[in-house]
Protein backbone atom coordinates (compact mmCIF):
# COMPACT_ATOMS: atom_id res chain seq x y z
CA MET A 1 -9.23 9.63 71.44
CA THR A 2 -6.44 8.40 70.94
CA ASP A 3 -5.26 5.69 68.49
CA GLY A 4 -8.79 4.15 68.07
CA LYS A 5 -9.66 4.42 72.10
CA THR A 6 -10.84 6.68 74.55
CA THR A 7 -9.44 5.91 77.72
CA ILE A 8 -11.60 5.96 80.72
CA LEU A 9 -10.00 4.68 84.09
CA PRO A 10 -12.15 3.04 86.73
CA GLY A 11 -14.39 5.26 88.42
CA THR A 12 -13.78 8.32 86.11
CA TYR A 13 -16.62 8.31 83.69
CA LEU A 14 -18.62 11.13 84.89
CA GLU A 15 -15.80 12.99 85.30
CA VAL A 16 -14.48 12.67 81.96
CA THR A 17 -17.70 13.09 80.47
CA SER A 18 -18.79 16.00 82.35
CA ARG A 19 -16.90 18.09 80.02
CA VAL A 20 -19.68 17.33 77.17
CA HIS A 21 -22.77 16.20 79.51
CA GLY A 22 -22.18 18.75 82.02
CA PRO A 23 -21.94 18.19 85.92
CA ALA A 24 -23.70 15.03 87.40
CA GLY A 25 -26.34 15.83 89.98
CA PRO A 26 -27.07 13.27 92.89
CA PRO A 27 -27.54 9.54 92.54
CA ARG A 28 -31.42 8.90 92.40
CA PRO A 29 -33.66 5.91 92.00
CA SER A 30 -33.49 3.51 88.81
CA VAL A 31 -36.72 2.57 87.21
CA VAL A 32 -36.70 -0.76 89.39
CA GLY A 33 -36.26 1.60 92.47
CA ILE A 34 -39.26 4.07 91.44
CA LEU A 35 -41.61 0.93 90.90
CA ALA A 36 -40.44 -0.42 94.44
CA GLU A 37 -41.46 3.01 96.16
CA ARG A 38 -44.55 2.68 94.54
CA ARG A 39 -44.97 -0.65 95.62
CA VAL A 40 -44.62 0.41 99.26
CA LEU A 41 -46.86 3.19 98.95
CA VAL A 42 -49.69 1.13 97.95
CA GLU A 43 -48.93 -2.09 100.48
CA ALA A 44 -52.04 -2.56 102.70
CA SER A 45 -50.22 -3.81 105.67
CA GLY A 46 -47.81 -1.21 105.52
CA VAL A 47 -44.73 -3.48 105.93
CA VAL A 48 -42.88 -4.60 102.76
CA PRO A 49 -39.66 -6.91 103.68
CA THR A 50 -36.77 -5.78 101.68
CA VAL A 51 -34.81 -8.25 100.02
CA VAL A 52 -32.45 -6.20 97.71
CA VAL A 53 -31.64 -2.30 97.68
CA PRO A 54 -32.81 -1.48 94.23
CA PRO A 55 -29.56 0.06 91.91
CA GLN A 56 -29.62 4.03 91.76
CA VAL A 57 -28.41 5.65 88.43
CA GLU A 58 -26.19 8.78 87.88
CA GLY A 59 -25.58 11.31 85.43
CA PRO A 60 -26.95 14.76 84.69
CA ALA A 61 -29.76 15.98 86.57
CA ASN A 62 -32.32 16.85 83.61
CA LEU A 63 -32.88 13.13 82.67
CA PRO A 64 -36.02 11.25 82.66
CA PRO A 65 -36.85 9.94 86.02
CA GLY A 66 -35.54 6.42 86.64
CA PHE A 67 -32.49 7.01 84.00
CA GLY A 68 -28.90 8.15 84.11
CA ALA A 69 -25.60 7.85 82.25
CA GLN A 70 -24.13 5.33 84.73
CA ILE A 71 -25.45 2.41 87.09
CA PRO A 72 -23.40 1.75 89.70
CA TRP A 73 -23.70 -2.03 90.39
CA THR A 74 -22.69 -2.65 93.84
CA GLY A 75 -24.69 -6.28 95.14
CA ASP A 76 -24.54 -9.57 94.09
CA GLU A 77 -27.91 -9.52 92.57
CA ASP A 78 -28.27 -9.81 88.39
CA LEU A 79 -29.32 -6.54 86.90
CA ALA A 80 -31.72 -6.33 84.17
CA ILE A 81 -30.50 -3.25 82.25
CA LEU A 82 -32.21 -1.30 79.46
CA ALA A 83 -30.09 1.46 77.51
CA PHE A 84 -31.08 4.15 74.90
CA ILE A 85 -27.35 4.54 73.00
CA ASN A 86 -26.75 7.82 71.42
CA ALA A 87 -25.01 7.01 68.12
CA LYS A 88 -23.37 10.45 68.42
CA ALA A 89 -21.70 10.08 71.81
CA GLU A 90 -18.11 8.41 71.77
CA TYR A 91 -18.09 8.15 75.30
CA GLY A 92 -21.26 5.55 75.38
CA LEU A 93 -22.94 4.42 78.75
CA CYS A 94 -21.28 2.90 81.75
CA VAL A 95 -21.97 0.27 84.40
CA GLN A 96 -19.63 0.86 87.42
CA GLY A 97 -18.68 -1.95 89.68
CA VAL A 98 -18.63 -4.75 87.31
CA ARG A 99 -16.27 -7.74 88.86
CA ASP A 100 -13.79 -10.44 86.87
CA GLY A 101 -16.04 -13.16 85.80
CA ASP A 102 -19.17 -11.37 85.73
CA ILE A 103 -21.33 -12.41 82.50
CA TYR A 104 -23.12 -10.16 79.78
CA GLU A 105 -26.22 -11.60 78.59
CA HIS A 106 -28.16 -9.89 75.28
CA VAL A 107 -31.50 -10.02 75.08
CA ALA A 108 -32.57 -7.98 72.25
CA ALA A 109 -31.43 -4.70 70.55
CA VAL A 110 -33.58 -2.44 67.91
CA GLY A 111 -33.43 0.86 66.24
CA THR A 112 -31.24 2.34 63.15
CA ALA A 113 -28.95 4.95 63.34
CA SER A 114 -27.26 7.20 60.60
CA PHE A 115 -23.70 7.19 60.61
CA SER A 116 -22.68 10.05 57.91
CA THR A 117 -25.38 13.09 58.38
CA GLY A 118 -25.34 16.34 59.27
CA ASN A 119 -27.88 16.56 62.56
CA ASN A 120 -28.66 18.35 65.86
CA ASN A 121 -28.46 15.54 68.16
CA GLY A 122 -27.60 16.06 71.91
CA TRP A 123 -24.41 14.87 72.76
CA ILE A 124 -25.29 12.95 76.00
CA GLY A 125 -24.26 9.08 75.93
CA GLY A 126 -27.93 8.05 76.14
CA LEU A 127 -29.89 6.86 78.81
CA ILE A 128 -29.48 3.64 80.86
CA THR A 129 -31.42 2.12 83.70
CA VAL A 130 -32.01 -0.95 85.52
CA VAL A 131 -35.70 -2.67 85.34
CA ALA A 132 -35.47 -5.82 87.31
CA VAL A 133 -32.87 -6.97 90.09
CA GLY A 134 -32.43 -10.54 91.78
CA LEU A 135 -30.65 -13.49 92.06
CA GLU A 136 -31.91 -15.03 88.73
CA VAL A 137 -33.62 -12.12 86.62
CA ALA A 138 -35.05 -13.52 83.47
CA ALA A 139 -35.54 -11.95 79.96
CA ASP A 140 -39.20 -11.69 80.68
CA ALA A 141 -38.52 -8.90 83.33
CA PHE A 142 -38.71 -6.40 80.45
CA GLY A 143 -42.10 -7.30 79.74
CA GLN A 144 -43.59 -6.02 83.20
CA ALA A 145 -46.84 -3.58 82.13
CA GLU A 146 -45.78 -1.50 85.14
CA LEU A 147 -42.67 -0.76 83.45
CA GLU A 148 -44.52 0.98 80.19
CA PRO A 149 -45.15 4.35 81.38
CA LEU A 150 -41.38 5.02 82.63
CA ILE A 151 -39.83 3.18 79.39
CA THR A 152 -42.09 5.19 77.08
CA ALA A 153 -41.09 8.48 78.85
CA GLY A 154 -37.40 7.76 78.40
CA ALA A 155 -38.13 6.66 74.68
CA ASN A 156 -39.89 10.01 74.09
CA TYR A 157 -36.66 11.60 75.64
CA ALA A 158 -34.58 9.70 73.44
CA LYS A 159 -36.44 10.63 70.04
CA ALA A 160 -36.35 14.20 70.96
CA GLN A 161 -32.77 14.33 72.12
CA PHE A 162 -31.26 11.69 69.59
CA PRO A 163 -33.51 11.88 66.56
CA GLU A 164 -32.20 9.98 63.29
CA SER A 165 -31.63 12.83 60.74
CA ALA A 166 -34.36 13.95 58.14
CA HIS A 167 -32.26 12.70 55.48
CA PRO A 168 -30.50 9.66 56.69
CA ASN A 169 -27.49 8.34 55.26
CA VAL A 170 -25.14 5.23 56.13
CA ARG A 171 -27.77 3.48 58.05
CA ARG A 172 -27.16 0.61 60.47
CA ASP A 173 -28.71 -1.47 62.86
CA PRO A 174 -27.50 -2.52 66.14
CA TYR A 175 -25.63 -5.28 65.00
CA GLY A 176 -23.95 -3.44 62.19
CA PHE A 177 -25.98 -4.49 59.25
CA ASP A 178 -27.03 -1.92 56.34
CA PRO A 179 -30.88 -2.10 55.34
CA SER A 180 -29.97 -4.35 52.54
CA GLY A 181 -28.72 -6.99 55.33
CA SER A 182 -24.78 -6.55 54.26
CA PRO A 183 -22.68 -6.46 57.25
CA GLU A 184 -20.44 -3.27 57.59
CA ALA A 185 -16.96 -3.08 59.03
CA ALA A 186 -16.37 0.89 59.73
CA GLY A 187 -19.28 2.14 61.69
CA GLY A 188 -22.48 1.25 63.11
CA GLY A 189 -24.00 -1.07 65.72
CA VAL A 190 -22.97 -1.74 69.41
CA ILE A 191 -19.53 -2.38 71.14
CA VAL A 192 -19.51 -3.82 74.60
CA CYS A 193 -16.07 -2.83 76.43
CA GLY A 194 -15.51 -4.67 79.30
CA PRO A 195 -13.47 -3.52 82.60
CA SER A 196 -10.26 -4.77 81.14
CA ALA A 197 -10.55 -2.09 78.41
CA GLN A 198 -10.41 0.72 80.65
CA GLY A 199 -12.25 2.90 78.27
CA VAL A 200 -14.07 2.44 74.56
CA TYR A 201 -12.73 1.15 71.39
CA HIS A 202 -13.32 3.03 68.35
CA SER A 203 -13.26 2.28 64.46
CA GLY A 204 -10.77 4.24 61.89
CA ASP A 205 -11.19 5.82 58.85
CA SER A 206 -10.03 4.78 55.31
CA ASP A 207 -6.22 5.33 56.45
CA HIS A 208 -6.61 2.93 59.40
CA THR A 209 -8.70 -0.10 57.98
CA ASP A 210 -6.90 -2.28 60.70
CA ARG A 211 -9.32 -0.58 63.34
CA TRP A 212 -12.18 -2.20 61.30
CA ILE A 213 -13.81 -5.41 61.50
CA GLN A 214 -11.78 -7.65 59.82
CA ARG A 215 -12.24 -10.20 56.79
CA ASN A 216 -15.81 -11.08 55.96
CA ARG A 217 -17.20 -7.90 58.36
CA VAL A 218 -18.72 -10.93 60.27
CA ARG A 219 -18.59 -9.50 64.00
CA ASN A 220 -17.10 -12.56 65.82
CA ASP A 221 -13.82 -13.13 67.82
CA ALA A 222 -12.05 -13.87 64.95
CA ASN A 223 -12.66 -10.76 62.84
CA MET A 224 -11.87 -8.45 65.68
CA PRO A 225 -10.49 -5.11 64.68
CA ARG A 226 -6.56 -5.45 65.11
CA HIS A 227 -6.13 -2.70 67.77
CA ILE A 228 -8.41 -4.34 70.44
CA PRO A 229 -6.87 -7.18 72.35
CA LEU A 230 -8.63 -10.53 72.80
CA GLY A 231 -11.16 -10.57 75.41
CA GLN A 232 -11.25 -6.82 76.27
CA ALA A 233 -14.51 -5.99 74.04
CA PHE A 234 -17.47 -7.68 71.77
CA PHE A 235 -19.72 -6.69 69.41
CA LEU A 236 -23.49 -7.17 69.59
CA GLN A 237 -24.75 -10.28 67.34
CA GLN A 238 -28.01 -11.81 66.70
CA GLY A 239 -28.38 -14.85 69.22
CA MET A 240 -25.12 -14.31 70.83
CA GLN A 241 -24.06 -16.68 73.60
CA PRO A 242 -23.50 -15.11 77.14
CA ARG A 243 -20.27 -13.26 77.23
CA THR A 244 -17.67 -13.60 80.64
CA LEU A 245 -16.26 -10.19 81.12
CA HIS A 246 -12.50 -9.98 82.40
CA GLY A 247 -11.24 -7.49 85.01
CA ASN A 248 -12.87 -5.29 87.75
CA GLY A 249 -13.94 -2.09 86.95
CA ASP A 250 -16.16 -0.01 84.46
CA LEU A 251 -18.04 -1.71 81.44
CA PHE A 252 -18.85 0.64 78.25
CA LEU A 253 -21.77 0.28 76.08
CA ALA A 254 -21.27 2.58 73.01
CA ALA A 255 -21.97 2.98 69.34
CA TRP A 256 -19.06 1.84 67.07
CA ASP A 257 -17.56 4.59 64.85
CA TRP A 258 -14.80 7.01 64.57
CA ASN A 259 -16.28 10.26 63.25
CA PHE A 260 -19.28 11.08 65.73
CA PRO A 261 -20.21 14.35 65.05
CA ASP A 262 -22.13 13.58 62.02
CA ASN A 263 -23.94 10.54 63.38
CA SER A 264 -28.01 10.61 64.34
CA GLY A 265 -30.18 8.13 65.99
CA PHE A 266 -30.12 5.62 68.59
CA TYR A 267 -30.20 1.95 69.49
CA LEU A 268 -32.56 0.58 72.46
CA ILE A 269 -30.73 -2.36 74.21
CA HIS A 270 -32.06 -4.96 76.57
CA ALA A 271 -29.51 -6.93 78.65
CA ILE A 272 -28.88 -8.99 81.63
CA LEU A 273 -25.63 -8.58 83.62
CA ARG A 274 -25.09 -11.59 85.92
CA ARG A 275 -22.90 -12.08 88.91
CA GLY A 276 -20.24 -14.60 88.17
CA HIS A 277 -18.98 -15.47 91.73
CA ARG A 278 -21.46 -14.61 94.15
CA SER A 279 -20.58 -14.26 97.64
């Protein structure tokens, strides 16, 4: 981390994070890929037309089936992604292969994390997967009954590996609000860093309040921390409009903070990534 940012050049996420996550295993099916394989097995005719190739996930080999730390986005189809974001990990999670003009569409976010507590959280950035893929993925893709066992397994892993402390302190929801409903500037919530950022932006201590959310702490473009260039990153907000992403490369989902070792807990994020310019 240098001057409020961890630089991660395009295509280097797994290499950079191997120092704390451990080496990556071979690519494996995402949740939507596992479900597609099951449908092939039960198809009575024995012939299933393949319209799209389900995306895979990448990361340490010991993660739950269907989940990884990175998703390569290679096709022209939209992706419905689900992510458990560990509040302790400064690197966050990665979507590789974003193109200039692609769109991030927020669907939902839940969870509470603590940002000033001793804990035994694991260091891996969290879990990320694809639950649906297609040319027009809808928000109801997250409600499929057949997803439940796989998502439950991921949630149980997250609860075991990224638990909130038994003595939580400085608690924040995914939008950066404390339990009283007050917006907080220095830590908590989720930041989304687009390809033009080439890494993950972080907050700062009390000597670097320019790296905090400014003015009234409302998380919008006008109040962005001063070290983040306009258009390179944004914070999750309730009811937010879809956001256009700039540049070609990697997108990162990460907890907003500067002192990560004393964090605990995780956030669960539902989002849709849409291709801005399909071939």
